Every structure is written in structure tokens, then in C-alpha cells.
Amino acid sequence: MNAARRTLVALGRGAALTGLALLGLAVALVMLTAALLTFMVGLVFVVSPAVRLVRAVTGLARDLSGRWSGMPVDAPYLPAPLPPVPQADGWYRDGRTLYKKPTIPAFNKRWNWLMKDPATWRDLAYLLAAPVTCGLVAAAPLLATAYGVVRVAGGDPLGVVWILLAAGVAYWYAPWALRVYGGVAAVLLGPTEKARLARRVSHLDAARTEAVDSQAAELRRIERDLHDGAQARLVAIGMTIGAAEQLLETDPRAARALLGKARDASADALQDIRRLVRGIHPPVLAERGLGDAVRALALDSPLRAHVTVDVPERASAPLESAAYFAVSELLANAARHGDATEAWVDVSARGPALRVTVTDDGRGGADPGRGTGLRGIERRLGAFDGVFALNSPAGGPTTAVIELPRAFPLRTAPRSPWRLLGGLCWALWPIALFPQGLVAMVLKLLGSPVKSWFLGLHMPEPFQWPVIVGMMLLGGGLLTVALTTTARAMREKEGGGCG
């Protein structure tokens, strides 16, 4: 029963995506009409609404195909332009032209942003290609069933074969078609290299600002700790020694007592300096690495902390420092605010990434928005493109996951045989889709006597349409497989770039 329900759900989703592909074709025609009106007549104001309509449909396609196929697709568009900024004289410059109001410069910026973004034209290409590359593939079982019903209604018993064939393959075909649809959407609707670089630059700029602010706050903390701790103790030591010098001849016993206090104060000052040094970069972290440093943290923690470490080698010093202080803050929060008694720390490698998981048995309810400690962890990790995920339901337990990419060298994976299959599909799909499929369909509809090398037209009359439709499905399937393998290769390349 569950299998039948899953199959029906997959078929329904495939039909919905096919309907969306047909809607997208209509929207693509609207976009082409707007582009023609813009470049031939000069009606530039019609382009922006058309592009927004295209992006709305492709955004829906990204959302549905990502959720239903399990292959999320990020929005590929370049960052929106900033509003125009006036010059010192109050005028707005756009190229070599000055404007008194920002309306036209803002319009020109937005128009260039929409029209010069490669993702806009990739969206249009997707909408034009989706009915054939995705729609036919996703709706193939339903189309075969409809064809069989039509044949049965016309008195042809062979139509039952088509109905049974569609019912037999739907169980495995429908989920596969959704995954193929998701692969095509990932290739055509995913971010372009330019968009990735633009987002990367924006992210690095924000991370740099966070790192500078965090460094400034850390310097202020060190200065405050030196001023309130070691510096005050050293000043007191100097004053105590001065008083001992004055009493040295008149009251040697009191002078010795003062010198003893100065000695004790110097030991306390030394402890303060050592604590401060450990807060900057602990010696055990520099000498023994992250694993032993976390174990030392566990020994000093008031919690019963259990530490497991499984990393192939040491990461770079800045990454180890970021992970160490994040674990230190999490353990301190668990003891101070979470009323925890026990904690578990797991340090491991996930490919080239370093992952640290900290779990405690406290009362939960931790929220990064309510305190500076967790926000400080996010800022510290953000400088390394790190990810900080927190799950802390009320009542506990609290689990925090820290992941730092590019911590270890990436082991190069062997070349996948799927890439050879993708190249073969790229070479063969046009032959099946266009000459043997679409062109043969047009000749059949026109009743042309020309048969040439079109396989479907050489078949007996009852099998001509099935062969033509089958060729179109084959071409669409080959194209979708080619796009899917290309998407997989792109993801592998991105994963390799993280190393």
C-alpha cells in the first residue's frame, strides 16, 4: 500500500512539474516578445516585468524540484545593485550623464542587472527546453497510459499493452524521473560561476568585517585584563617594595613581611599572565594539537566531559584555535547557564572538513540571539567559512556542531565512469530527439510521403506514433542523463575546490 502511494505521489508530482514546464514555455514566449519589443521598438520598460515573471516561474521550479527530488538548487542571480548615491553637488552620475533625480540611474542599474546577468538567459533556456527535456520524461507513464486508453477506445486491443507497460514501470520510473528533473534544474537553474564568485566576494567581505571587529574586541579584552589584573598587581608590588625599603633600617621584621607579600603578589601576577596567555593561544594547543588541548579543557571543566578524537593529522593553527575556543565557550556555557553535569565532545574529520560535536545534558534553551558567547563563536568560525549549528530544545539536551571546511587535504577520488556515459549522451540526444522525433512527427502530421531515414515512418502504421514518441522520449532521456551527470561532475568539482 505504501509503495502504491509513493508511486502515485511521484506520478502526481511529475504531472505537476510537467504542467509547470508548459506554463514556463508560455512565460518564455512572453519574455521573447518583451525582448523583441525592447531591441526592435525600444520599449525598455516591458523587460523588467517579463524578467520578474520568468524568475518567479523558475524560482517555483527550483523550489519544487529541489524539495521533491532531494537536490536543492540555490538561486543563481547576481546581487542586486545598490541604490544610486549622489555626488557632492547633489547630482547623480550614470556613465557620462548627470541626473538631478535618482530615477533614471536606478532604472538603468536595475535594467543592466536583469539583462546582463547570465542567469536570466539560462532561465529562459530552461523554460524553452523544459517541456521536452523534463516534461516528457516526468509525464512519460501518464502519456503512455493516455495513449493506451485512446487506442483501446478506438478498438485497438494493443492499447492495453501500453497501459500495462506504463503501470509496470511506474514504480521505479516515477521517482527516477523526479531525480532526473532535479538534475536538469540543478544544471540549468543553478548558480553560474560568475554568480558564485559574486556571492563569494560578498561573503568574504562580510567575513573580513566580522574578523576585524572580533580582533578589535579581543585586543580590548586583552588590554582590559592586563590593566585590571597583572598591571594592578605589578603596581601594588612596586608600592609594597618601596614601603619595605623605607622600613628596612627602622623595622627589618616589617620590611621582611612586606617583601613576603610582594613575593606572593608576584606569584599571583604570574598566574594572571599565564591565564591571559592561555586565553590568547594555549601552549598545549600549539605543542600538542587540538585533540590534547580539548582533553585538557575537559580535565579543567567542572563537567564530566568525555572526549573522542579521530583526525588524520593536525589542521592549521588558526583553524585549531577557532575550534578550541568554540569548544571552550560551549563547555563554559553548559556549566554556567545550562546546569549540565556531563558533556561529550567528538572531534573528527568529514572528508576535508573538521567537525566538532559538543553535547551536554543540561536544561537546553540556548539561543545565539540572547547572548554574546554563541554569537562570538559564529563570528570566529565565519572567518574560516565555518558552520555553527545548534539544537537546544527546552529541557535539553543541547547539541552544537562546528564544521570547518578545508581543514585537511582532499584525497582525490578516482574518475567516475558516469562521466563517460554523460559524454555519450551529449553526443546522441540530438539525433533521437530532433531528426527521429520532432522532424518525423512534423512529417507524419503533414502526411508527407517522404520517409528518408526516419525510423518511425518506416514502421507499420499502428507502430509509427509509438516509435516517434519513443524517440522523443529517448532523446529527452539522453539529454536529462547528460545534464544529470554534468550536475554531478560540477558538484564533485565544487567538493574538490573545498580541499
Protein backbone atom coordinates (compact mmCIF):
# COMPACT_ATOMS: atom_id res chain seq x y z
CA MET A 1 0.00 0.00 0.00
CA ASN A 2 2.82 2.39 0.89
CA ALA A 3 4.62 1.55 -2.37
CA ALA A 4 1.48 2.29 -4.37
CA ARG A 5 1.02 5.56 -2.50
CA ARG A 6 4.63 6.59 -3.12
CA THR A 7 4.24 5.79 -6.82
CA LEU A 8 1.03 7.80 -7.09
CA VAL A 9 2.61 10.73 -5.25
CA ALA A 10 5.64 10.61 -7.59
CA LEU A 11 3.36 10.47 -10.65
CA GLY A 12 1.34 13.39 -9.33
CA ARG A 13 4.48 15.42 -8.73
CA GLY A 14 5.75 14.56 -12.19
CA ALA A 15 2.45 15.74 -13.69
CA ALA A 16 2.66 18.96 -11.67
CA LEU A 17 6.23 19.61 -12.88
CA THR A 18 5.12 18.90 -16.45
CA GLY A 19 2.31 21.43 -16.09
CA LEU A 20 4.81 23.90 -14.67
CA ALA A 21 7.09 23.26 -17.65
CA LEU A 22 4.23 24.04 -20.06
CA LEU A 23 3.44 27.21 -18.10
CA GLY A 24 7.12 28.09 -18.30
CA LEU A 25 7.03 27.72 -22.07
CA ALA A 26 4.25 30.32 -22.25
CA VAL A 27 6.23 32.61 -19.94
CA ALA A 28 9.33 32.14 -22.13
CA LEU A 29 7.33 33.27 -25.16
CA VAL A 30 6.27 36.36 -23.19
CA MET A 31 9.92 37.03 -22.37
CA LEU A 32 10.97 36.64 -26.01
CA THR A 33 8.21 39.02 -27.09
CA ALA A 34 9.34 41.57 -24.49
CA ALA A 35 12.94 41.24 -25.65
CA LEU A 36 11.91 41.81 -29.28
CA LEU A 37 9.86 44.86 -28.32
CA THR A 38 12.83 46.19 -26.39
CA PHE A 39 15.53 45.74 -29.02
CA MET A 40 13.40 46.47 -32.11
CA VAL A 41 10.96 49.13 -30.89
CA GLY A 42 12.74 50.44 -27.80
CA LEU A 43 10.07 49.60 -25.21
CA VAL A 44 12.61 49.00 -22.46
CA PHE A 45 10.01 49.24 -19.70
CA VAL A 46 8.42 45.88 -20.68
CA VAL A 47 11.53 43.85 -19.95
CA SER A 48 11.64 44.16 -16.16
CA PRO A 49 8.15 42.73 -15.57
CA ALA A 50 8.85 39.91 -18.04
CA VAL A 51 12.12 39.01 -16.30
CA ARG A 52 10.43 39.10 -12.89
CA LEU A 53 7.76 36.75 -14.27
CA VAL A 54 10.45 34.40 -15.59
CA ARG A 55 12.26 34.44 -12.26
CA ALA A 56 9.02 33.74 -10.40
CA VAL A 57 8.33 30.63 -12.51
CA THR A 58 11.92 29.37 -12.36
CA GLY A 59 12.01 30.09 -8.62
CA LEU A 60 8.95 27.88 -8.20
CA ALA A 61 10.65 25.23 -10.35
CA ARG A 62 13.77 25.37 -8.14
CA ASP A 63 11.70 25.05 -5.00
CA LEU A 64 9.51 22.17 -6.19
CA SER A 65 12.23 20.19 -7.96
CA GLY A 66 14.60 20.68 -5.02
CA ARG A 67 12.07 19.51 -2.42
CA TRP A 68 10.69 16.63 -4.50
CA SER A 69 13.96 15.33 -5.94
CA GLY A 70 16.15 15.88 -2.89
CA MET A 71 18.57 18.05 -4.93
CA PRO A 72 18.29 21.65 -3.63
CA VAL A 73 19.04 24.36 -6.17
CA ASP A 74 20.31 27.74 -4.97
CA ALA A 75 19.22 30.97 -6.62
CA PRO A 76 21.89 31.87 -9.21
CA TYR A 77 21.35 35.60 -9.58
CA LEU A 78 23.96 38.26 -9.10
CA PRO A 79 23.49 40.54 -6.06
CA ALA A 80 21.01 43.34 -6.64
CA PRO A 81 22.60 46.72 -7.36
CA LEU A 82 22.85 49.30 -4.62
CA PRO A 83 20.73 52.45 -4.94
CA PRO A 84 22.41 55.40 -6.67
CA VAL A 85 24.48 57.67 -4.43
CA PRO A 86 24.52 61.43 -5.14
CA GLN A 87 27.76 63.25 -5.75
CA ALA A 88 28.96 66.11 -3.59
CA ASP A 89 26.95 68.56 -5.71
CA GLY A 90 23.75 66.50 -5.27
CA TRP A 91 23.61 65.19 -8.87
CA TYR A 92 23.56 61.51 -9.81
CA ARG A 93 26.07 60.21 -12.34
CA ASP A 94 25.26 57.35 -14.71
CA GLY A 95 28.11 56.83 -17.13
CA ARG A 96 28.85 60.25 -18.63
CA THR A 97 25.43 61.66 -17.90
CA LEU A 98 24.31 63.57 -14.81
CA TYR A 99 20.77 63.42 -13.44
CA LYS A 100 19.09 65.57 -10.85
CA LYS A 101 16.91 62.68 -9.58
CA PRO A 102 17.92 59.04 -8.99
CA THR A 103 15.02 57.57 -11.00
CA ILE A 104 16.80 57.00 -14.32
CA PRO A 105 20.16 55.89 -12.83
CA ALA A 106 18.31 53.40 -10.62
CA PHE A 107 16.31 52.14 -13.62
CA ASN A 108 19.48 51.74 -15.70
CA LYS A 109 21.23 49.87 -12.89
CA ARG A 110 18.31 47.52 -12.45
CA TRP A 111 17.90 47.01 -16.21
CA ASN A 112 21.59 46.13 -16.60
CA TRP A 113 21.39 43.86 -13.58
CA LEU A 114 18.47 41.94 -15.06
CA MET A 115 19.62 41.79 -18.68
CA LYS A 116 23.36 41.28 -18.22
CA ASP A 117 23.04 38.54 -15.64
CA PRO A 118 23.78 35.21 -17.41
CA ALA A 119 21.28 33.52 -15.09
CA THR A 120 18.44 35.44 -16.77
CA TRP A 121 19.18 33.82 -20.12
CA ARG A 122 19.80 30.45 -18.53
CA ASP A 123 16.33 30.72 -17.00
CA LEU A 124 14.93 31.44 -20.46
CA ALA A 125 16.81 28.47 -21.94
CA TYR A 126 15.41 26.26 -19.20
CA LEU A 127 11.84 27.37 -19.82
CA LEU A 128 12.22 26.68 -23.55
CA ALA A 129 13.82 23.28 -23.04
CA ALA A 130 11.89 22.05 -20.00
CA PRO A 131 8.76 20.79 -21.82
CA VAL A 132 10.89 18.38 -23.88
CA THR A 133 13.82 17.61 -21.57
CA CYS A 134 11.80 17.44 -18.35
CA GLY A 135 8.10 17.43 -19.12
CA LEU A 136 8.10 14.42 -21.44
CA VAL A 137 10.36 12.46 -19.12
CA ALA A 138 8.35 13.22 -15.98
CA ALA A 139 4.99 12.55 -17.62
CA ALA A 140 6.00 9.55 -19.75
CA PRO A 141 3.95 6.96 -17.77
CA LEU A 142 0.86 9.17 -17.88
CA LEU A 143 1.34 9.86 -21.59
CA ALA A 144 1.73 6.15 -22.28
CA THR A 145 -1.42 5.41 -20.29
CA ALA A 146 -3.36 8.10 -22.15
CA TYR A 147 -2.13 6.74 -25.49
CA GLY A 148 -3.21 3.24 -24.49
CA VAL A 149 -6.66 4.48 -23.44
CA VAL A 150 -7.08 6.24 -26.78
CA ARG A 151 -6.09 3.08 -28.67
CA VAL A 152 -8.46 0.95 -26.61
CA ALA A 153 -11.28 3.45 -27.18
CA GLY A 154 -10.56 3.21 -30.91
CA GLY A 155 -10.99 -0.56 -30.82
CA ASP A 156 -7.29 -1.49 -30.83
CA PRO A 157 -6.55 -4.14 -28.15
CA LEU A 158 -2.82 -3.31 -28.30
CA GLY A 159 -3.63 -0.24 -26.24
CA VAL A 160 -3.90 -2.50 -23.19
CA VAL A 161 -0.22 -3.33 -23.64
CA TRP A 162 0.68 0.35 -23.31
CA ILE A 163 -1.46 0.71 -20.18
CA LEU A 164 0.09 -2.37 -18.56
CA LEU A 165 3.59 -1.28 -19.56
CA ALA A 166 3.07 2.16 -18.01
CA ALA A 167 1.69 0.61 -14.81
CA GLY A 168 4.57 -1.86 -14.64
CA VAL A 169 7.40 0.67 -14.93
CA ALA A 170 5.78 3.49 -12.93
CA TYR A 171 7.03 2.12 -9.57
CA TRP A 172 10.70 2.70 -10.35
CA TYR A 173 10.38 5.17 -13.22
CA ALA A 174 8.39 7.92 -11.46
CA PRO A 175 10.91 8.55 -8.60
CA TRP A 176 13.79 8.32 -11.09
CA ALA A 177 12.11 10.90 -13.33
CA LEU A 178 11.85 13.29 -10.38
CA ARG A 179 15.55 12.90 -9.67
CA VAL A 180 16.34 13.50 -13.33
CA TYR A 181 14.15 16.61 -13.26
CA GLY A 182 16.10 17.81 -10.23
CA GLY A 183 19.40 17.18 -12.01
CA VAL A 184 18.31 19.19 -15.04
CA ALA A 185 17.13 22.02 -12.79
CA ALA A 186 20.47 21.96 -10.94
CA VAL A 187 22.39 22.36 -14.21
CA LEU A 188 20.24 24.98 -15.93
CA LEU A 189 18.86 26.84 -12.91
CA GLY A 190 21.82 26.58 -10.53
CA PRO A 191 24.30 29.39 -9.88
CA THR A 192 26.69 30.33 -12.64
CA GLU A 193 30.39 30.65 -11.94
CA LYS A 194 30.09 34.43 -12.02
CA ALA A 195 27.24 34.37 -9.52
CA ARG A 196 29.20 32.03 -7.25
CA LEU A 197 32.19 34.37 -7.35
CA ALA A 198 29.99 37.41 -6.66
CA ARG A 199 28.40 35.74 -3.66
CA ARG A 200 31.80 34.54 -2.54
CA VAL A 201 33.20 38.08 -2.67
CA SER A 202 30.19 39.38 -0.74
CA HIS A 203 30.60 36.65 1.87
CA LEU A 204 34.33 37.28 2.20
CA ASP A 205 33.72 40.99 2.63
CA ALA A 206 31.26 40.32 5.46
CA ALA A 207 33.62 37.74 7.00
CA ARG A 208 36.50 40.20 6.85
CA THR A 209 34.43 42.84 8.64
CA GLU A 210 33.43 40.30 11.30
CA ALA A 211 37.05 39.18 11.71
CA VAL A 212 38.30 42.75 12.10
CA ASP A 213 35.59 43.54 14.67
CA SER A 214 36.30 40.31 16.54
CA GLN A 215 40.04 41.03 16.56
CA ALA A 216 39.44 44.55 17.87
CA ALA A 217 37.19 43.19 20.63
CA GLU A 218 39.83 40.60 21.53
CA LEU A 219 42.53 43.28 21.75
CA ARG A 220 40.28 45.35 24.01
CA ARG A 221 39.72 42.31 26.22
CA ILE A 222 43.45 41.63 26.48
CA GLU A 223 44.12 45.29 27.29
CA ARG A 224 41.38 45.28 29.95
CA ASP A 225 42.65 42.06 31.51
CA LEU A 226 46.21 43.40 31.62
CA HIS A 227 45.05 46.71 33.11
CA ASP A 228 42.75 45.20 35.72
CA GLY A 229 44.84 42.15 36.53
CA ALA A 230 48.59 41.89 36.05
CA GLN A 231 49.21 45.63 35.75
CA ALA A 232 47.39 46.42 39.01
CA ARG A 233 49.26 43.64 40.80
CA LEU A 234 52.62 44.86 39.49
CA VAL A 235 51.88 48.41 40.61
CA ALA A 236 50.94 47.07 44.06
CA ILE A 237 54.16 45.04 44.16
CA GLY A 238 56.18 48.16 43.36
CA MET A 239 54.48 50.11 46.14
CA THR A 240 54.99 47.25 48.63
CA ILE A 241 58.71 47.03 47.80
CA GLY A 242 59.01 50.83 48.18
CA ALA A 243 57.43 50.62 51.64
CA ALA A 244 59.77 47.75 52.55
CA GLU A 245 62.78 49.87 51.54
CA GLN A 246 61.67 52.62 53.92
CA LEU A 247 61.27 50.14 56.81
CA LEU A 248 64.41 48.16 56.08
CA GLU A 249 66.59 50.04 58.67
CA THR A 250 63.97 51.03 61.23
CA ASP A 251 61.83 47.85 61.28
CA PRO A 252 63.51 44.93 59.46
CA ARG A 253 60.80 42.47 60.56
CA ALA A 254 58.01 44.56 58.98
CA ALA A 255 60.16 45.03 55.87
CA ARG A 256 60.57 41.24 55.54
CA ALA A 257 56.81 40.80 55.93
CA LEU A 258 56.18 43.32 53.16
CA LEU A 259 58.70 41.58 50.90
CA GLY A 260 56.89 38.29 51.56
CA LYS A 261 53.61 39.90 50.48
CA ALA A 262 55.35 41.27 47.37
CA ARG A 263 56.61 37.77 46.56
CA ASP A 264 53.10 36.32 46.90
CA ALA A 265 51.67 39.14 44.79
CA SER A 266 54.28 38.46 42.10
CA ALA A 267 53.19 34.80 42.02
CA ASP A 268 49.58 35.91 41.62
CA ALA A 269 50.58 38.30 38.82
CA LEU A 270 52.43 35.46 37.10
CA GLN A 271 49.29 33.31 37.31
CA ASP A 272 47.25 36.14 35.80
CA ILE A 273 49.71 36.46 32.91
CA ARG A 274 49.68 32.71 32.34
CA ARG A 275 45.88 32.71 32.28
CA LEU A 276 45.95 35.56 29.81
CA VAL A 277 48.43 33.72 27.59
CA ARG A 278 46.24 30.61 27.69
CA GLY A 279 43.32 32.79 26.63
CA ILE A 280 45.28 34.08 23.63
CA HIS A 281 46.78 30.79 22.42
CA PRO A 282 47.18 27.93 24.91
CA PRO A 283 50.64 26.34 24.89
CA VAL A 284 49.14 22.84 24.88
CA LEU A 285 47.28 23.73 21.67
CA ALA A 286 50.45 24.92 19.99
CA GLU A 287 52.55 21.99 21.17
CA ARG A 288 50.16 19.01 21.21
CA GLY A 289 47.34 19.92 18.83
CA LEU A 290 43.57 20.23 19.07
CA GLY A 291 42.88 16.75 20.46
CA ASP A 292 45.10 17.07 23.53
CA ALA A 293 44.04 20.70 24.04
CA VAL A 294 40.37 19.67 24.15
CA ARG A 295 41.25 16.86 26.58
CA ALA A 296 42.97 19.45 28.80
CA LEU A 297 39.83 21.57 28.62
CA ALA A 298 37.77 18.56 29.70
CA LEU A 299 40.04 17.98 32.72
CA ASP A 300 39.69 21.62 33.82
CA SER A 301 35.93 21.70 33.22
CA PRO A 302 33.54 21.21 36.18
CA LEU A 303 31.56 18.83 33.96
CA ARG A 304 32.23 15.13 33.50
CA ALA A 305 33.46 15.56 29.95
CA HIS A 306 34.12 12.65 27.59
CA VAL A 307 36.34 13.38 24.60
CA THR A 308 36.83 11.30 21.44
CA VAL A 309 39.28 12.40 18.75
CA ASP A 310 39.62 10.88 15.30
CA VAL A 311 41.51 13.14 12.90
CA PRO A 312 44.14 12.05 10.36
CA GLU A 313 46.52 14.94 11.04
CA ARG A 314 46.74 18.38 12.56
CA ALA A 315 44.83 21.22 10.97
CA SER A 316 46.31 24.68 10.53
CA ALA A 317 46.93 26.69 13.69
CA PRO A 318 44.16 29.30 13.07
CA LEU A 319 41.56 26.58 12.45
CA GLU A 320 42.61 24.66 15.57
CA SER A 321 42.46 27.87 17.60
CA ALA A 322 38.94 28.67 16.34
CA ALA A 323 37.71 25.16 17.14
CA TYR A 324 39.40 25.15 20.57
CA PHE A 325 37.86 28.41 21.75
CA ALA A 326 34.47 27.36 20.39
CA VAL A 327 34.61 24.16 22.47
CA SER A 328 35.82 26.14 25.49
CA GLU A 329 32.87 28.55 25.19
CA LEU A 330 30.35 25.72 24.75
CA LEU A 331 31.60 23.83 27.79
CA ALA A 332 31.60 27.01 29.87
CA ASN A 333 28.04 27.83 28.77
CA ALA A 334 26.88 24.30 29.57
CA ALA A 335 28.26 24.55 33.11
CA ARG A 336 27.35 28.17 33.77
CA HIS A 337 23.93 28.56 32.11
CA GLY A 338 22.71 25.07 31.23
CA ASP A 339 23.05 23.40 34.66
CA ALA A 340 24.71 20.47 32.90
CA THR A 341 26.63 17.76 34.73
CA GLU A 342 28.03 15.78 31.81
CA ALA A 343 29.24 16.59 28.30
CA TRP A 344 30.50 14.70 25.27
CA VAL A 345 32.95 16.17 22.76
CA ASP A 346 33.66 14.44 19.45
CA VAL A 347 36.43 15.74 17.18
CA SER A 348 36.54 14.06 13.78
CA ALA A 349 37.22 14.56 10.09
CA ARG A 350 34.50 14.56 7.43
CA GLY A 351 36.44 14.45 4.21
CA PRO A 352 38.48 17.65 4.10
CA ALA A 353 36.36 19.26 6.85
CA LEU A 354 36.94 19.28 10.60
CA ARG A 355 33.78 18.57 12.57
CA VAL A 356 33.41 19.05 16.32
CA THR A 357 30.22 17.97 18.10
CA VAL A 358 29.56 19.06 21.69
CA THR A 359 26.59 17.57 23.55
CA ASP A 360 25.56 18.21 27.14
CA ASP A 361 22.76 17.00 29.42
CA GLY A 362 21.72 20.48 30.53
CA ARG A 363 18.27 22.07 30.51
CA GLY A 364 18.62 23.40 26.95
CA GLY A 365 17.06 26.59 25.66
CA ALA A 366 20.33 28.05 24.34
CA ASP A 367 19.75 30.82 21.81
CA PRO A 368 22.51 32.67 19.89
CA GLY A 369 20.28 35.74 19.75
CA ARG A 370 20.19 36.11 23.53
CA GLY A 371 23.88 36.14 24.32
CA THR A 372 27.25 37.28 23.02
CA GLY A 373 29.09 33.99 23.62
CA LEU A 374 27.37 31.98 20.89
CA ARG A 375 27.44 34.96 18.53
CA GLY A 376 31.17 35.19 19.19
CA ILE A 377 31.53 31.55 18.13
CA GLU A 378 29.67 32.30 14.89
CA ARG A 379 31.88 35.31 14.21
CA ARG A 380 35.07 33.38 14.91
CA LEU A 381 34.04 30.49 12.66
CA GLY A 382 32.71 32.80 9.94
CA ALA A 383 36.23 33.99 9.20
CA PHE A 384 37.00 30.43 8.00
CA ASP A 385 33.67 29.78 6.20
CA GLY A 386 32.78 27.62 9.18
CA VAL A 387 29.30 26.42 10.05
CA PHE A 388 27.83 26.51 13.56
CA ALA A 389 24.60 24.54 14.07
CA LEU A 390 22.84 24.49 17.43
CA ASN A 391 19.97 22.27 18.57
CA SER A 392 18.88 23.14 22.11
CA PRO A 393 15.23 22.33 22.83
CA ALA A 394 13.75 23.30 26.17
CA GLY A 395 14.59 20.57 28.65
CA GLY A 396 17.71 19.53 26.76
CA PRO A 397 19.91 18.03 25.66
CA THR A 398 21.92 20.65 23.79
CA THR A 399 23.93 19.62 20.74
CA ALA A 400 26.27 22.01 18.94
CA VAL A 401 28.02 21.07 15.70
CA ILE A 402 31.01 23.00 14.38
CA GLU A 403 32.30 22.33 10.89
CA LEU A 404 35.35 23.99 9.39
CA PRO A 405 35.95 23.28 5.68
CA ARG A 406 39.32 22.82 4.05
CA ALA A 407 40.94 21.73 7.31
CA PHE A 408 42.65 18.70 5.76
CA PRO A 409 43.94 17.94 2.26
CA LEU A 410 41.29 16.42 -0.01
CA ARG A 411 42.02 12.92 -1.21
CA THR A 412 41.43 12.89 -4.96
CA ALA A 413 38.69 10.45 -5.90
CA PRO A 414 39.05 8.24 -8.99
CA ARG A 415 37.37 9.42 -12.15
CA SER A 416 33.76 8.33 -12.28
CA PRO A 417 32.55 6.13 -15.17
CA TRP A 418 29.41 8.26 -15.21
CA ARG A 419 31.36 11.00 -16.98
CA LEU A 420 31.90 8.70 -19.98
CA LEU A 421 28.16 7.96 -20.04
CA GLY A 422 27.43 11.70 -19.88
CA GLY A 423 29.68 12.38 -22.87
CA LEU A 424 27.99 9.62 -24.86
CA CYS A 425 24.52 11.01 -24.01
CA TRP A 426 25.59 14.53 -25.03
CA ALA A 427 26.58 13.15 -28.44
CA LEU A 428 23.44 11.06 -29.06
CA TRP A 429 20.48 13.01 -27.68
CA PRO A 430 20.07 15.43 -30.65
CA ILE A 431 19.81 12.51 -33.11
CA ALA A 432 16.96 10.83 -31.25
CA LEU A 433 15.09 14.00 -30.29
CA PHE A 434 15.18 16.09 -33.45
CA PRO A 435 15.50 14.02 -36.65
CA GLN A 436 13.95 10.79 -35.38
CA GLY A 437 11.46 12.51 -33.07
CA LEU A 438 10.34 16.06 -33.78
CA VAL A 439 11.05 16.11 -37.53
CA ALA A 440 9.38 12.73 -38.04
CA MET A 441 6.38 13.97 -36.04
CA VAL A 442 6.03 17.02 -38.30
CA LEU A 443 6.23 14.87 -41.46
CA LYS A 444 3.65 12.48 -40.01
CA LEU A 445 1.26 15.30 -39.15
CA LEU A 446 1.64 16.83 -42.62
CA GLY A 447 1.08 13.48 -44.29
CA SER A 448 4.32 13.82 -46.26
CA PRO A 449 5.32 10.80 -48.39
CA VAL A 450 8.98 11.42 -47.54
CA LYS A 451 10.32 8.72 -45.24
CA SER A 452 14.07 9.13 -45.78
CA TRP A 453 15.97 7.71 -42.79
CA PHE A 454 13.26 8.39 -40.22
CA LEU A 455 12.79 5.07 -38.44
CA GLY A 456 9.26 5.76 -37.21
CA LEU A 457 7.93 6.43 -40.71
CA HIS A 458 9.21 3.05 -41.95
CA MET A 459 7.28 1.17 -39.28
CA PRO A 460 3.78 -0.31 -39.85
CA GLU A 461 1.00 2.21 -39.33
CA PRO A 462 -0.02 1.11 -35.78
CA PHE A 463 3.58 1.46 -34.54
CA GLN A 464 4.56 4.74 -36.19
CA TRP A 465 3.34 7.07 -33.46
CA PRO A 466 4.68 4.90 -30.62
CA VAL A 467 8.12 4.83 -32.26
CA ILE A 468 8.11 8.59 -32.90
CA VAL A 469 7.04 9.37 -29.33
CA GLY A 470 9.53 6.80 -28.07
CA MET A 471 12.33 8.54 -30.00
CA MET A 472 11.34 11.87 -28.47
CA LEU A 473 11.34 10.30 -25.02
CA LEU A 474 14.68 8.66 -25.73
CA GLY A 475 16.20 11.96 -26.83
CA GLY A 476 14.79 13.75 -23.82
CA GLY A 477 16.01 10.97 -21.56
CA LEU A 478 19.51 11.07 -23.03
CA LEU A 479 19.60 14.84 -22.58
CA THR A 480 18.43 14.60 -18.98
CA VAL A 481 21.01 11.91 -18.22
CA ALA A 482 23.68 14.12 -19.81
CA LEU A 483 22.58 17.10 -17.73
CA THR A 484 22.37 14.98 -14.57
CA THR A 485 25.89 13.60 -14.98
CA THR A 486 27.12 17.12 -15.70
CA ALA A 487 25.49 18.33 -12.48
CA ARG A 488 27.16 15.51 -10.57
CA ALA A 489 30.55 16.39 -12.10
CA MET A 490 30.02 20.03 -11.13
CA ARG A 491 29.23 19.05 -7.53
CA GLU A 492 32.34 16.84 -7.42
CA LYS A 493 34.40 19.73 -8.75
CA GLU A 494 32.97 22.07 -6.11
CA GLY A 495 33.71 19.49 -3.44
CA GLY A 496 37.25 19.24 -4.77
CA GLY A 497 37.55 23.01 -4.61
CA CYS A 498 36.96 22.83 -0.88
CA GLY A 499 40.18 20.99 -0.45
